C-alpha cells in the first residue's frame, strides 16, 4: 500500500504543527523588524549627508511617513527636535520642509531653520509634496523627497518629468535611512546647537496621546501603540498652534468657547468614527456613568472631549513658556 502523507491523520497533524511553528517564527521576525529603530553604519550616514549637501537641495519630508518608519514611537516633537538639530549641523537650515497631514487649515510656517507645511482637512501631505515638486524644479532647485509611499514616489517622478527638469534633479530618500541619519547626527548637533531641544518642553507632555501599554511589550515582539487618525489630527493642530505661539503669532486669540467648538467639530469631521476610538475610554468611567456613555459613539465623543481639554491645557502652557523664553 502506498504511503499518503496528506491523507494519513498523523501526517496531517504533524504538518499542522510544523506550519504553525513556521508561521509563529515568521510573524515574530516581522514584528521585531517593524518595531526596531532604523540603524545605518556611520560611514553610510556621512556619505548620504555629503551627497545632499554637495549640491544645494530642498528636502520635502513626508513627516507622518517618517514617524511610521519607527512604528510611531517617534513623536511629532521628537521629529521636529531631531530635524532642527540635524539641519543646523549640516548647513541645511531653511532647506528642510516637514510636510504634515491634517491641521484646521492649510498653513506654511517657518521655525528655527525648518519649514513646516500643514495640509489641512481637504488634502493630504502627499498632495502638497506632489504640488511643490514641479514648482521647485522649475525654479532651478534640486529636490529630494523623503518617503516610502509608492503612490507619492510615482507622483513625484511624474511631476519631475512633466516639469522638464534635467536628469538627477529629483532624488528619493527612504524614511528609515532618513531616521538613521537623524539619529546618527544627534550627538554632534546637540553640541553645536544649544537650542536643539528647547522645543521639547516636556517629554511626558509630548506623549499625552498614547495609552498605557505593557511594560515589556517591545521585548515580547508586540507592536507598539497603534496611533489613530483622529489622534494625528489633534497632534498636527497642536504642533501648528505651538509654532505660531512660539514665533509670536496669535494662535490662541478669539473667543475660547468658539475656538473649542470649532476644534471639536474639526476633530469629529476628520477623525474616525466613534467605534474606533471607543476602546480608549476608561472602563471604570463607562461603568460609573452608563447613561452618558452607553453607546460607542458617545464613548468616542467623550474621548475627543478629553483630548481637546488636554490640547487646550498644553497650548496655554506652551504660550507661557514661549513668552518666558523670548524670541530666539
C-alpha atoms as a PDB file:
ATOM      1  CA  UNK A   1       0.000   0.000   0.000  1.00  0.00           C
ATOM      2  CA  UNK A   2       1.359   3.384  -0.982  1.00  0.00           C
ATOM      3  CA  UNK A   3       2.054   5.975   1.744  1.00  0.00           C
ATOM      4  CA  UNK A   4      -0.187   9.027   1.503  1.00  0.00           C
ATOM      5  CA  UNK A   5       1.263  11.878   3.593  1.00  0.00           C
ATOM      6  CA  UNK A   6      -1.714  14.217   3.239  1.00  0.00           C
ATOM      7  CA  UNK A   7      -4.437  11.648   3.958  1.00  0.00           C
ATOM      8  CA  UNK A   8      -2.853   9.966   6.955  1.00  0.00           C
ATOM      9  CA  UNK A   9      -4.188  11.594  10.214  1.00  0.00           C
ATOM     10  CA  UNK A  10      -0.799  11.522  11.942  1.00  0.00           C
ATOM     11  CA  UNK A  11       0.899  13.142   8.958  1.00  0.00           C
ATOM     12  CA  UNK A  12      -1.741  15.858   8.764  1.00  0.00           C
ATOM     13  CA  UNK A  13      -1.310  16.605  12.479  1.00  0.00           C
ATOM     14  CA  UNK A  14       2.483  16.837  12.168  1.00  0.00           C
ATOM     15  CA  UNK A  15       2.151  19.078   9.118  1.00  0.00           C
ATOM     16  CA  UNK A  16      -0.150  21.424  11.010  1.00  0.00           C
ATOM     17  CA  UNK A  17       2.318  21.654  13.907  1.00  0.00           C
ATOM     18  CA  UNK A  18       5.253  22.439  11.603  1.00  0.00           C
ATOM     19  CA  UNK A  19       3.194  25.010   9.705  1.00  0.00           C
ATOM     20  CA  UNK A  20       2.061  26.710  12.938  1.00  0.00           C
ATOM     21  CA  UNK A  21       5.635  26.900  14.265  1.00  0.00           C
ATOM     22  CA  UNK A  22       6.869  28.346  10.963  1.00  0.00           C
ATOM     23  CA  UNK A  23       4.104  30.983  10.896  1.00  0.00           C
ATOM     24  CA  UNK A  24       4.821  31.977  14.501  1.00  0.00           C
ATOM     25  CA  UNK A  25       8.537  32.353  13.730  1.00  0.00           C
ATOM     26  CA  UNK A  26       7.890  34.466  10.624  1.00  0.00           C
ATOM     27  CA  UNK A  27       5.385  36.727  12.409  1.00  0.00           C
ATOM     28  CA  UNK A  28       7.783  37.222  15.330  1.00  0.00           C
ATOM     29  CA  UNK A  29      10.650  38.100  12.993  1.00  0.00           C
ATOM     30  CA  UNK A  30       8.425  40.500  11.049  1.00  0.00           C
ATOM     31  CA  UNK A  31       7.253  42.197  14.256  1.00  0.00           C
ATOM     32  CA  UNK A  32      10.812  42.606  15.521  1.00  0.00           C
ATOM     33  CA  UNK A  33      11.890  44.161  12.220  1.00  0.00           C
ATOM     34  CA  UNK A  34       8.922  46.538  12.113  1.00  0.00           C
ATOM     35  CA  UNK A  35       9.380  47.754  15.706  1.00  0.00           C
ATOM     36  CA  UNK A  36      13.168  48.112  15.602  1.00  0.00           C
ATOM     37  CA  UNK A  37      14.695  51.579  15.312  1.00  0.00           C
ATOM     38  CA  UNK A  38      16.288  52.112  11.893  1.00  0.00           C
ATOM     39  CA  UNK A  39      20.078  51.891  12.024  1.00  0.00           C
ATOM     40  CA  UNK A  40      22.808  52.585   9.492  1.00  0.00           C
ATOM     41  CA  UNK A  41      26.626  52.473   9.706  1.00  0.00           C
ATOM     42  CA  UNK A  42      28.203  55.842  10.420  1.00  0.00           C
ATOM     43  CA  UNK A  43      30.157  55.836   7.156  1.00  0.00           C
ATOM     44  CA  UNK A  44      26.968  55.405   5.114  1.00  0.00           C
ATOM     45  CA  UNK A  45      25.231  58.195   7.053  1.00  0.00           C
ATOM     46  CA  UNK A  46      28.150  60.549   6.446  1.00  0.00           C
ATOM     47  CA  UNK A  47      28.237  59.639   2.752  1.00  0.00           C
ATOM     48  CA  UNK A  48      24.491  60.276   2.364  1.00  0.00           C
ATOM     49  CA  UNK A  49      24.788  63.664   4.087  1.00  0.00           C
ATOM     50  CA  UNK A  50      27.693  64.657   1.815  1.00  0.00           C
ATOM     51  CA  UNK A  51      25.606  63.803  -1.248  1.00  0.00           C
ATOM     52  CA  UNK A  52      22.776  66.011  -0.002  1.00  0.00           C
ATOM     53  CA  UNK A  53      24.991  68.954   0.888  1.00  0.00           C
ATOM     54  CA  UNK A  54      27.321  68.796  -2.143  1.00  0.00           C
ATOM     55  CA  UNK A  55      24.643  70.467  -4.272  1.00  0.00           C
ATOM     56  CA  UNK A  56      22.005  72.736  -2.658  1.00  0.00           C
ATOM     57  CA  UNK A  57      18.960  70.516  -2.236  1.00  0.00           C
ATOM     58  CA  UNK A  58      15.467  71.069  -0.834  1.00  0.00           C
ATOM     59  CA  UNK A  59      14.189  68.157   1.234  1.00  0.00           C
ATOM     60  CA  UNK A  60      10.435  67.548   1.156  1.00  0.00           C
ATOM     61  CA  UNK A  61       9.768  65.212   4.074  1.00  0.00           C
ATOM     62  CA  UNK A  62       6.565  63.197   4.419  1.00  0.00           C
ATOM     63  CA  UNK A  63       6.569  63.645   8.198  1.00  0.00           C
ATOM     64  CA  UNK A  64       3.998  61.037   9.219  1.00  0.00           C
ATOM     65  CA  UNK A  65       5.587  58.516   6.868  1.00  0.00           C
ATOM     66  CA  UNK A  66       8.892  59.107   8.664  1.00  0.00           C
ATOM     67  CA  UNK A  67       7.195  58.563  12.024  1.00  0.00           C
ATOM     68  CA  UNK A  68       5.638  55.387  10.640  1.00  0.00           C
ATOM     69  CA  UNK A  69       9.136  54.027   9.959  1.00  0.00           C
ATOM     70  CA  UNK A  70       9.543  53.850  13.749  1.00  0.00           C
ATOM     71  CA  UNK A  71       6.027  52.424  14.293  1.00  0.00           C
ATOM     72  CA  UNK A  72       5.045  55.936  15.533  1.00  0.00           C
ATOM     73  CA  UNK A  73       7.358  55.714  18.551  1.00  0.00           C
ATOM     74  CA  UNK A  74       8.976  58.902  17.220  1.00  0.00           C
ATOM     75  CA  UNK A  75       6.635  61.676  18.377  1.00  0.00           C
ATOM     76  CA  UNK A  76       5.982  64.871  16.443  1.00  0.00           C
ATOM     77  CA  UNK A  77       8.014  66.924  18.925  1.00  0.00           C
ATOM     78  CA  UNK A  78      10.931  64.477  18.806  1.00  0.00           C
ATOM     79  CA  UNK A  79      10.978  64.541  14.997  1.00  0.00           C
ATOM     80  CA  UNK A  80      10.988  68.351  14.951  1.00  0.00           C
ATOM     81  CA  UNK A  81      13.743  68.406  17.564  1.00  0.00           C
ATOM     82  CA  UNK A  82      15.948  65.966  15.636  1.00  0.00           C
ATOM     83  CA  UNK A  83      15.324  67.675  12.284  1.00  0.00           C
ATOM     84  CA  UNK A  84      16.182  71.116  13.679  1.00  0.00           C
ATOM     85  CA  UNK A  85      19.482  69.900  15.104  1.00  0.00           C
ATOM     86  CA  UNK A  86      20.367  67.881  12.001  1.00  0.00           C
ATOM     87  CA  UNK A  87      19.600  70.738   9.584  1.00  0.00           C
ATOM     88  CA  UNK A  88      21.673  73.182  11.648  1.00  0.00           C
ATOM     89  CA  UNK A  89      24.716  70.918  11.942  1.00  0.00           C
ATOM     90  CA  UNK A  90      24.759  70.098   8.204  1.00  0.00           C
ATOM     91  CA  UNK A  91      24.116  73.587   6.823  1.00  0.00           C
ATOM     92  CA  UNK A  92      20.580  72.804   5.656  1.00  0.00           C
ATOM     93  CA  UNK A  93      18.686  75.453   7.617  1.00  0.00           C
ATOM     94  CA  UNK A  94      15.747  76.661   5.542  1.00  0.00           C
ATOM     95  CA  UNK A  95      16.032  73.737   3.120  1.00  0.00           C
ATOM     96  CA  UNK A  96      14.237  71.021   5.123  1.00  0.00           C
ATOM     97  CA  UNK A  97      10.445  71.066   4.698  1.00  0.00           C
ATOM     98  CA  UNK A  98       8.406  68.909   7.083  1.00  0.00           C
ATOM     99  CA  UNK A  99       5.001  68.359   5.479  1.00  0.00           C
ATOM    100  CA  UNK A 100       2.269  67.214   7.884  1.00  0.00           C
ATOM    101  CA  UNK A 101      -1.139  65.703   7.287  1.00  0.00           C
ATOM    102  CA  UNK A 102      -4.193  67.430   8.787  1.00  0.00           C
ATOM    103  CA  UNK A 103      -4.457  70.762  10.581  1.00  0.00           C
ATOM    104  CA  UNK A 104      -7.518  73.002  10.897  1.00  0.00           C
ATOM    105  CA  UNK A 105      -6.465  74.815   7.725  1.00  0.00           C
ATOM    106  CA  UNK A 106      -3.619  74.713   5.184  1.00  0.00           C
ATOM    107  CA  UNK A 107      -0.672  76.606   6.593  1.00  0.00           C
ATOM    108  CA  UNK A 108       3.037  77.220   5.966  1.00  0.00           C
ATOM    109  CA  UNK A 109       5.281  78.244   8.855  1.00  0.00           C
ATOM    110  CA  UNK A 110       8.991  78.811   9.430  1.00  0.00           C
ATOM    111  CA  UNK A 111      10.538  77.970  12.774  1.00  0.00           C
ATOM    112  CA  UNK A 112      14.231  77.766  13.729  1.00  0.00           C
ATOM    113  CA  UNK A 113      15.529  76.810  10.326  1.00  0.00           C
ATOM    114  CA  UNK A 114      12.714  74.392   9.425  1.00  0.00           C
ATOM    115  CA  UNK A 115       9.828  74.909   7.035  1.00  0.00           C
ATOM    116  CA  UNK A 116       6.534  73.366   8.162  1.00  0.00           C
ATOM    117  CA  UNK A 117       3.621  72.715   5.831  1.00  0.00           C
ATOM    118  CA  UNK A 118       0.188  71.619   7.085  1.00  0.00           C
ATOM    119  CA  UNK A 119      -2.140  70.080   4.529  1.00  0.00           C
ATOM    120  CA  UNK A 120      -5.437  70.988   6.186  1.00  0.00           C
ATOM    121  CA  UNK A 121      -8.648  68.952   6.155  1.00  0.00           C
ATOM    122  CA  UNK A 122      -9.235  68.827   2.370  1.00  0.00           C
ATOM    123  CA  UNK A 123      -5.908  67.469   1.137  1.00  0.00           C
ATOM    124  CA  UNK A 124      -3.030  65.298   2.298  1.00  0.00           C
ATOM    125  CA  UNK A 125       0.689  65.805   2.752  1.00  0.00           C
ATOM    126  CA  UNK A 126       1.191  63.771  -0.432  1.00  0.00           C
ATOM    127  CA  UNK A 127      -0.859  66.340  -2.365  1.00  0.00           C
ATOM    128  CA  UNK A 128       1.252  69.202  -1.006  1.00  0.00           C
ATOM    129  CA  UNK A 129       4.532  67.466  -1.831  1.00  0.00           C
ATOM    130  CA  UNK A 130       3.386  66.497  -5.339  1.00  0.00           C
ATOM    131  CA  UNK A 131       2.368  70.120  -5.980  1.00  0.00           C
ATOM    132  CA  UNK A 132       5.639  71.569  -4.657  1.00  0.00           C
ATOM    133  CA  UNK A 133       7.978  69.296  -6.640  1.00  0.00           C
ATOM    134  CA  UNK A 134       7.388  70.879 -10.106  1.00  0.00           C
ATOM    135  CA  UNK A 135       7.398  74.413  -8.676  1.00  0.00           C
ATOM    136  CA  UNK A 136      10.792  73.918  -7.039  1.00  0.00           C
ATOM    137  CA  UNK A 137      12.246  72.149 -10.076  1.00  0.00           C
ATOM    138  CA  UNK A 138      11.113  74.911 -12.435  1.00  0.00           C
ATOM    139  CA  UNK A 139      12.800  77.402 -10.110  1.00  0.00           C
ATOM    140  CA  UNK A 140      16.120  75.637 -10.627  1.00  0.00           C
ATOM    141  CA  UNK A 141      16.163  73.814  -7.295  1.00  0.00           C
ATOM    142  CA  UNK A 142      17.226  70.244  -6.738  1.00  0.00           C
ATOM    143  CA  UNK A 143      14.610  68.319  -4.777  1.00  0.00           C
ATOM    144  CA  UNK A 144      14.854  65.277  -2.521  1.00  0.00           C
ATOM    145  CA  UNK A 145      11.572  63.631  -1.470  1.00  0.00           C
ATOM    146  CA  UNK A 146      11.780  61.638   1.769  1.00  0.00           C
ATOM    147  CA  UNK A 147       9.117  58.929   1.724  1.00  0.00           C
ATOM    148  CA  UNK A 148       8.460  55.239   1.166  1.00  0.00           C
ATOM    149  CA  UNK A 149       4.906  55.774  -0.108  1.00  0.00           C
ATOM    150  CA  UNK A 150       4.802  54.193  -3.564  1.00  0.00           C
ATOM    151  CA  UNK A 151       1.973  56.400  -4.774  1.00  0.00           C
ATOM    152  CA  UNK A 152       3.809  59.560  -3.708  1.00  0.00           C
ATOM    153  CA  UNK A 153       7.018  58.325  -5.345  1.00  0.00           C
ATOM    154  CA  UNK A 154       5.131  57.779  -8.615  1.00  0.00           C
ATOM    155  CA  UNK A 155       3.500  61.228  -8.403  1.00  0.00           C
ATOM    156  CA  UNK A 156       6.834  62.910  -7.661  1.00  0.00           C
ATOM    157  CA  UNK A 157       8.516  61.214 -10.628  1.00  0.00           C
ATOM    158  CA  UNK A 158       5.630  62.157 -12.906  1.00  0.00           C
ATOM    159  CA  UNK A 159       5.751  65.776 -11.705  1.00  0.00           C
ATOM    160  CA  UNK A 160       9.510  65.913 -12.294  1.00  0.00           C
ATOM    161  CA  UNK A 161       9.136  64.522 -15.812  1.00  0.00           C
ATOM    162  CA  UNK A 162       6.334  66.949 -16.690  1.00  0.00           C
ATOM    163  CA  UNK A 163       8.337  69.930 -15.403  1.00  0.00           C
ATOM    164  CA  UNK A 164      11.120  69.320 -17.915  1.00  0.00           C
ATOM    165  CA  UNK A 165      13.806  69.129 -15.228  1.00  0.00           C
ATOM    166  CA  UNK A 166      17.082  67.502 -16.083  1.00  0.00           C
ATOM    167  CA  UNK A 167      18.115  64.041 -15.033  1.00  0.00           C
ATOM    168  CA  UNK A 168      19.139  63.892 -11.393  1.00  0.00           C
ATOM    169  CA  UNK A 169      17.145  66.960 -10.370  1.00  0.00           C
ATOM    170  CA  UNK A 170      14.825  64.755  -8.292  1.00  0.00           C
ATOM    171  CA  UNK A 171      16.147  62.362  -5.669  1.00  0.00           C
ATOM    172  CA  UNK A 172      14.325  59.897  -3.453  1.00  0.00           C
ATOM    173  CA  UNK A 173      15.349  59.024   0.094  1.00  0.00           C
ATOM    174  CA  UNK A 174      13.832  56.244   2.196  1.00  0.00           C
ATOM    175  CA  UNK A 175      12.318  57.130   5.545  1.00  0.00           C
ATOM    176  CA  UNK A 176      14.242  54.502   7.521  1.00  0.00           C
ATOM    177  CA  UNK A 177      17.520  55.814   6.115  1.00  0.00           C
ATOM    178  CA  UNK A 178      16.471  59.371   6.945  1.00  0.00           C
ATOM    179  CA  UNK A 179      15.671  58.429  10.563  1.00  0.00           C
ATOM    180  CA  UNK A 180      19.033  56.682  10.857  1.00  0.00           C
ATOM    181  CA  UNK A 181      20.766  59.834   9.573  1.00  0.00           C
ATOM    182  CA  UNK A 182      18.911  61.992  12.111  1.00  0.00           C
ATOM    183  CA  UNK A 183      19.833  59.722  14.990  1.00  0.00           C
ATOM    184  CA  UNK A 184      23.462  59.421  13.877  1.00  0.00           C
ATOM    185  CA  UNK A 185      23.925  63.192  13.819  1.00  0.00           C
ATOM    186  CA  UNK A 186      22.066  63.859  17.058  1.00  0.00           C
ATOM    187  CA  UNK A 187      25.055  63.949  19.423  1.00  0.00           C
ATOM    188  CA  UNK A 188      27.138  66.289  17.259  1.00  0.00           C
ATOM    189  CA  UNK A 189      24.115  68.503  16.606  1.00  0.00           C
ATOM    190  CA  UNK A 190      23.299  68.826  20.302  1.00  0.00           C
ATOM    191  CA  UNK A 191      26.836  70.030  20.986  1.00  0.00           C
ATOM    192  CA  UNK A 192      26.724  72.558  18.129  1.00  0.00           C
ATOM    193  CA  UNK A 193      23.249  73.945  18.746  1.00  0.00           C
ATOM    194  CA  UNK A 194      22.155  74.859  22.251  1.00  0.00           C
ATOM    195  CA  UNK A 195      18.567  75.456  21.186  1.00  0.00           C
ATOM    196  CA  UNK A 196      18.105  71.996  19.668  1.00  0.00           C
ATOM    197  CA  UNK A 197      15.954  70.619  22.485  1.00  0.00           C
ATOM    198  CA  UNK A 198      14.104  73.796  23.527  1.00  0.00           C
ATOM    199  CA  UNK A 199      11.011  72.742  21.618  1.00  0.00           C
ATOM    200  CA  UNK A 200      10.663  69.555  23.701  1.00  0.00           C
ATOM    201  CA  UNK A 201       9.203  71.330  26.736  1.00  0.00           C
ATOM    202  CA  UNK A 202       8.319  68.083  28.476  1.00  0.00           C
ATOM    203  CA  UNK A 203       8.810  64.587  27.095  1.00  0.00           C
ATOM    204  CA  UNK A 204       5.846  63.357  29.097  1.00  0.00           C
ATOM    205  CA  UNK A 205       3.608  66.049  27.616  1.00  0.00           C
ATOM    206  CA  UNK A 206       4.711  65.161  24.084  1.00  0.00           C
ATOM    207  CA  UNK A 207       3.322  61.635  24.568  1.00  0.00           C
ATOM    208  CA  UNK A 208      -0.007  62.645  26.094  1.00  0.00           C
ATOM    209  CA  UNK A 209      -1.966  60.991  23.290  1.00  0.00           C
ATOM    210  CA  UNK A 210      -0.713  57.471  23.992  1.00  0.00           C
ATOM    211  CA  UNK A 211      -2.376  54.965  26.252  1.00  0.00           C
ATOM    212  CA  UNK A 212      -0.539  52.838  28.787  1.00  0.00           C
ATOM    213  CA  UNK A 213       0.762  49.556  27.443  1.00  0.00           C
ATOM    214  CA  UNK A 214       2.561  46.572  28.869  1.00  0.00           C
ATOM    215  CA  UNK A 215       5.959  47.315  30.324  1.00  0.00           C
ATOM    216  CA  UNK A 216       7.805  44.698  28.254  1.00  0.00           C
ATOM    217  CA  UNK A 217       5.672  44.941  25.118  1.00  0.00           C
ATOM    218  CA  UNK A 218       8.665  45.679  22.853  1.00  0.00           C
ATOM    219  CA  UNK A 219      10.722  42.804  24.228  1.00  0.00           C
ATOM    220  CA  UNK A 220       7.927  40.309  23.604  1.00  0.00           C
ATOM    221  CA  UNK A 221       7.685  41.342  19.949  1.00  0.00           C
ATOM    222  CA  UNK A 222       4.270  43.001  20.279  1.00  0.00           C
ATOM    223  CA  UNK A 223       3.652  46.002  18.066  1.00  0.00           C
ATOM    224  CA  UNK A 224       3.709  49.436  19.789  1.00  0.00           C
ATOM    225  CA  UNK A 225       0.605  51.516  20.282  1.00  0.00           C
ATOM    226  CA  UNK A 226      -1.266  51.971  17.000  1.00  0.00           C
ATOM    227  CA  UNK A 227      -1.848  55.690  16.619  1.00  0.00           C
ATOM    228  CA  UNK A 228      -5.255  56.524  15.197  1.00  0.00           C
ATOM    229  CA  UNK A 229      -6.139  59.088  12.552  1.00  0.00           C
ATOM    230  CA  UNK A 230      -8.082  61.383  14.877  1.00  0.00           C
ATOM    231  CA  UNK A 231      -5.084  61.457  17.238  1.00  0.00           C
ATOM    232  CA  UNK A 232      -2.799  62.587  14.401  1.00  0.00           C
ATOM    233  CA  UNK A 233      -5.397  65.270  13.625  1.00  0.00           C
ATOM    234  CA  UNK A 234      -5.042  66.731  17.113  1.00  0.00           C
ATOM    235  CA  UNK A 235      -1.253  66.332  17.136  1.00  0.00           C
ATOM    236  CA  UNK A 236      -0.902  68.245  13.864  1.00  0.00           C
ATOM    237  CA  UNK A 237      -3.104  71.096  15.086  1.00  0.00           C
ATOM    238  CA  UNK A 238      -1.264  71.214  18.410  1.00  0.00           C
ATOM    239  CA  UNK A 239       2.075  71.497  16.595  1.00  0.00           C
ATOM    240  CA  UNK A 240       0.768  74.187  14.225  1.00  0.00           C
ATOM    241  CA  UNK A 241      -0.517  76.336  17.079  1.00  0.00           C
ATOM    242  CA  UNK A 242       2.600  75.755  19.179  1.00  0.00           C
ATOM    243  CA  UNK A 243       4.816  77.014  16.340  1.00  0.00           C
ATOM    244  CA  UNK A 244       2.618  80.067  15.810  1.00  0.00           C
ATOM    245  CA  UNK A 245       2.673  80.821  19.539  1.00  0.00           C
ATOM    246  CA  UNK A 246       6.420  80.341  19.786  1.00  0.00           C
ATOM    247  CA  UNK A 247       7.131  82.536  16.772  1.00  0.00           C
ATOM    248  CA  UNK A 248       4.965  85.401  18.060  1.00  0.00           C
ATOM    249  CA  UNK A 249       1.710  84.510  16.304  1.00  0.00           C
ATOM    250  CA  UNK A 250      -1.814  84.784  17.681  1.00  0.00           C
ATOM    251  CA  UNK A 251      -2.890  81.160  17.590  1.00  0.00           C
ATOM    252  CA  UNK A 252      -4.976  81.424  20.769  1.00  0.00           C
ATOM    253  CA  UNK A 253      -6.792  84.700  20.113  1.00  0.00           C
ATOM    254  CA  UNK A 254     -10.568  84.964  19.960  1.00  0.00           C
ATOM    255  CA  UNK A 255     -13.413  83.531  21.992  1.00  0.00           C
ATOM    256  CA  UNK A 256     -12.184  80.382  23.840  1.00  0.00           C
ATOM    257  CA  UNK A 257     -15.642  78.783  23.726  1.00  0.00           C
ATOM    258  CA  UNK A 258     -15.984  79.295  19.981  1.00  0.00           C
ATOM    259  CA  UNK A 259     -12.410  78.108  19.457  1.00  0.00           C
ATOM    260  CA  UNK A 260     -13.076  74.920  21.389  1.00  0.00           C
ATOM    261  CA  UNK A 261     -16.313  74.293  19.481  1.00  0.00           C
ATOM    262  CA  UNK A 262     -14.539  74.680  16.143  1.00  0.00           C
ATOM    263  CA  UNK A 263     -11.806  72.290  17.239  1.00  0.00           C
ATOM    264  CA  UNK A 264     -14.384  69.746  18.389  1.00  0.00           C
ATOM    265  CA  UNK A 265     -16.260  69.943  15.081  1.00  0.00           C
ATOM    266  CA  UNK A 266     -12.995  69.667  13.176  1.00  0.00           C
ATOM    267  CA  UNK A 267     -11.836  66.587  15.107  1.00  0.00           C
ATOM    268  CA  UNK A 268     -15.250  64.943  14.741  1.00  0.00           C
ATOM    269  CA  UNK A 269     -15.354  65.629  10.984  1.00  0.00           C
ATOM    270  CA  UNK A 270     -11.832  64.466  10.145  1.00  0.00           C
ATOM    271  CA  UNK A 271     -11.371  61.775  12.798  1.00  0.00           C
ATOM    272  CA  UNK A 272     -12.506  58.191  12.624  1.00  0.00           C
ATOM    273  CA  UNK A 273     -15.958  57.101  13.776  1.00  0.00           C
ATOM    274  CA  UNK A 274     -16.868  56.643  17.418  1.00  0.00           C
ATOM    275  CA  UNK A 275     -16.388  52.882  17.404  1.00  0.00           C
ATOM    276  CA  UNK A 276     -12.702  53.200  16.504  1.00  0.00           C
ATOM    277  CA  UNK A 277     -11.995  55.454  19.480  1.00  0.00           C
ATOM    278  CA  UNK A 278     -14.410  53.873  21.948  1.00  0.00           C
ATOM    279  CA  UNK A 279     -11.897  51.407  23.343  1.00  0.00           C
ATOM    280  CA  UNK A 280      -9.737  54.300  24.557  1.00  0.00           C
ATOM    281  CA  UNK A 281     -12.320  55.363  27.177  1.00  0.00           C
ATOM    282  CA  UNK A 282     -11.539  54.069  30.683  1.00  0.00           C
ATOM    283  CA  UNK A 283     -13.900  51.177  31.584  1.00  0.00           C
ATOM    284  CA  UNK A 284     -14.356  52.496  35.144  1.00  0.00           C
ATOM    285  CA  UNK A 285     -15.787  55.777  33.867  1.00  0.00           C
ATOM    286  CA  UNK A 286     -18.034  53.970  31.418  1.00  0.00           C
ATOM    287  CA  UNK A 287     -19.393  51.772  34.214  1.00  0.00           C
ATOM    288  CA  UNK A 288     -19.790  54.769  36.538  1.00  0.00           C
ATOM    289  CA  UNK A 289     -21.864  56.777  34.074  1.00  0.00           C
ATOM    290  CA  UNK A 290     -23.731  54.284  31.871  1.00  0.00           C
ATOM    291  CA  UNK A 291     -26.414  56.746  30.728  1.00  0.00           C
ATOM    292  CA  UNK A 292     -23.955  59.212  29.202  1.00  0.00           C
ATOM    293  CA  UNK A 293     -21.518  56.656  27.745  1.00  0.00           C
ATOM    294  CA  UNK A 294     -23.939  53.955  26.707  1.00  0.00           C
ATOM    295  CA  UNK A 295     -23.026  53.716  23.005  1.00  0.00           C
ATOM    296  CA  UNK A 296     -19.669  53.510  21.208  1.00  0.00           C
ATOM    297  CA  UNK A 297     -20.281  56.889  19.562  1.00  0.00           C
ATOM    298  CA  UNK A 298     -20.887  58.558  22.927  1.00  0.00           C
ATOM    299  CA  UNK A 299     -17.719  56.985  24.292  1.00  0.00           C
ATOM    300  CA  UNK A 300     -15.827  58.239  21.241  1.00  0.00           C
ATOM    301  CA  UNK A 301     -17.155  61.762  21.781  1.00  0.00           C
ATOM    302  CA  UNK A 302     -16.122  61.564  25.435  1.00  0.00           C
ATOM    303  CA  UNK A 303     -12.578  60.612  24.397  1.00  0.00           C
ATOM    304  CA  UNK A 304     -12.344  63.501  21.924  1.00  0.00           C
ATOM    305  CA  UNK A 305     -13.564  65.967  24.549  1.00  0.00           C
ATOM    306  CA  UNK A 306     -10.886  64.806  26.996  1.00  0.00           C
ATOM    307  CA  UNK A 307      -8.217  65.064  24.290  1.00  0.00           C
ATOM    308  CA  UNK A 308      -9.313  68.594  23.386  1.00  0.00           C
ATOM    309  CA  UNK A 309      -9.178  69.645  27.031  1.00  0.00           C
ATOM    310  CA  UNK A 310      -5.624  68.293  27.198  1.00  0.00           C
ATOM    311  CA  UNK A 311      -4.828  70.160  23.971  1.00  0.00           C
ATOM    312  CA  UNK A 312      -6.098  73.436  25.440  1.00  0.00           C
ATOM    313  CA  UNK A 313      -4.077  72.971  28.631  1.00  0.00           C
ATOM    314  CA  UNK A 314      -0.959  72.233  26.593  1.00  0.00           C
ATOM    315  CA  UNK A 315      -1.473  75.285  24.377  1.00  0.00           C
ATOM    316  CA  UNK A 316      -1.844  77.612  27.354  1.00  0.00           C
ATOM    317  CA  UNK A 317       1.276  76.103  28.913  1.00  0.00           C
ATOM    318  CA  UNK A 318       3.209  76.415  25.630  1.00  0.00           C
ATOM    319  CA  UNK A 319       2.212  80.086  25.370  1.00  0.00           C
ATOM    320  CA  UNK A 320       3.515  80.819  28.861  1.00  0.00           C
ATOM    321  CA  UNK A 321       6.781  79.004  28.148  1.00  0.00           C
ATOM    322  CA  UNK A 322       7.227  80.783  24.798  1.00  0.00           C
ATOM    323  CA  UNK A 323       6.802  84.169  26.473  1.00  0.00           C
ATOM    324  CA  UNK A 324       9.335  83.166  29.124  1.00  0.00           C
ATOM    325  CA  UNK A 325      11.874  82.010  26.556  1.00  0.00           C
ATOM    326  CA  UNK A 326      11.556  85.152  24.457  1.00  0.00           C
ATOM    327  CA  UNK A 327      12.455  85.476  20.817  1.00  0.00           C
ATOM    328  CA  UNK A 328      15.308  83.204  19.697  1.00  0.00           C
END
